[in-house]
Amino acid sequence: MEKPQKKKQLNRYIQLTGVAFQMGITITLFTFLGLWLDTKCVNNYSLFTIIFSLLGVFLSLYAVIKQAQN
């Protein structure tokens, strides 16, 4: 009787680990895109890095909320 419970719990851990990797990859890619744009369009404040890293955070949080609703 306990095996289905353990298997269900393991599936939740795997899903949470996948969400963490997805968030990390999304934020990292958007940050690198911002860094690349900052090297192409020189500005004083690393504006593209800031904008794209925050955009990556918001998009990854949106994806996590959508997955949690399902």
Protein backbone atom coordinates (compact mmCIF):
# COMPACT_ATOMS: atom_id res chain seq x y z
CA MET A 1 0.00 0.00 0.00
CA GLU A 2 2.88 2.40 0.64
CA LYS A 3 4.55 1.97 -2.74
CA PRO A 4 2.07 4.12 -4.73
CA GLN A 5 2.46 6.87 -2.11
CA LYS A 6 6.26 6.80 -2.39
CA LYS A 7 6.10 6.76 -6.17
CA LYS A 8 3.70 9.72 -6.18
CA GLN A 9 6.00 11.61 -3.82
CA LEU A 10 9.01 10.84 -6.02
CA ASN A 11 7.16 12.16 -9.08
CA ARG A 12 6.51 15.44 -7.26
CA TYR A 13 10.21 15.80 -6.43
CA ILE A 14 11.13 15.14 -10.05
CA GLN A 15 8.64 17.75 -11.22
CA LEU A 16 9.98 20.32 -8.76
CA THR A 17 13.54 19.62 -9.86
CA GLY A 18 12.51 20.05 -13.48
CA VAL A 19 10.86 23.37 -12.66
CA ALA A 20 14.03 24.60 -10.96
CA PHE A 21 16.16 23.67 -13.96
CA GLN A 22 13.66 25.29 -16.32
CA MET A 23 13.71 28.52 -14.33
CA GLY A 24 17.50 28.54 -14.17
CA ILE A 25 17.92 27.93 -17.87
CA THR A 26 15.34 30.57 -18.82
CA ILE A 27 16.86 33.24 -16.59
CA THR A 28 20.38 32.38 -17.73
CA LEU A 29 19.51 32.53 -21.42
CA PHE A 30 17.74 35.86 -21.09
CA THR A 31 20.64 37.29 -19.08
CA PHE A 32 23.17 36.18 -21.69
CA LEU A 33 20.97 37.69 -24.39
CA GLY A 34 21.03 40.98 -22.46
CA LEU A 35 24.81 40.79 -22.08
CA TRP A 36 25.22 40.14 -25.79
CA LEU A 37 22.97 43.07 -26.66
CA ASP A 38 24.96 45.30 -24.29
CA THR A 39 28.15 44.46 -26.17
CA LYS A 40 26.48 45.33 -29.50
CA CYS A 41 24.76 48.53 -28.31
CA VAL A 42 27.06 50.25 -25.84
CA ASN A 43 25.34 52.10 -23.00
CA ASN A 44 26.37 53.27 -19.53
CA TYR A 45 24.09 51.16 -17.34
CA SER A 46 24.00 47.63 -18.82
CA LEU A 47 20.39 48.36 -19.60
CA PHE A 48 19.73 45.32 -21.78
CA THR A 49 21.18 42.95 -19.20
CA ILE A 50 18.92 44.33 -16.50
CA ILE A 51 15.82 44.32 -18.68
CA PHE A 52 16.32 40.84 -20.10
CA SER A 53 17.29 39.25 -16.80
CA LEU A 54 14.14 40.64 -15.16
CA LEU A 55 12.10 39.53 -18.17
CA GLY A 56 13.57 36.04 -17.77
CA VAL A 57 12.59 35.99 -14.10
CA PHE A 58 9.03 37.08 -14.83
CA LEU A 59 8.61 34.64 -17.70
CA SER A 60 9.95 31.74 -15.66
CA LEU A 61 7.64 32.62 -12.75
CA TYR A 62 4.72 32.81 -15.18
CA ALA A 63 5.60 29.35 -16.49
CA VAL A 64 5.82 27.94 -12.96
CA ILE A 65 2.43 29.42 -12.02
CA LYS A 66 0.85 27.99 -15.19
CA GLN A 67 2.33 24.55 -14.44
CA ALA A 68 1.13 24.72 -10.83
CA GLN A 69 -2.41 25.50 -11.96
CA ASN A 70 -2.44 22.35 -14.08
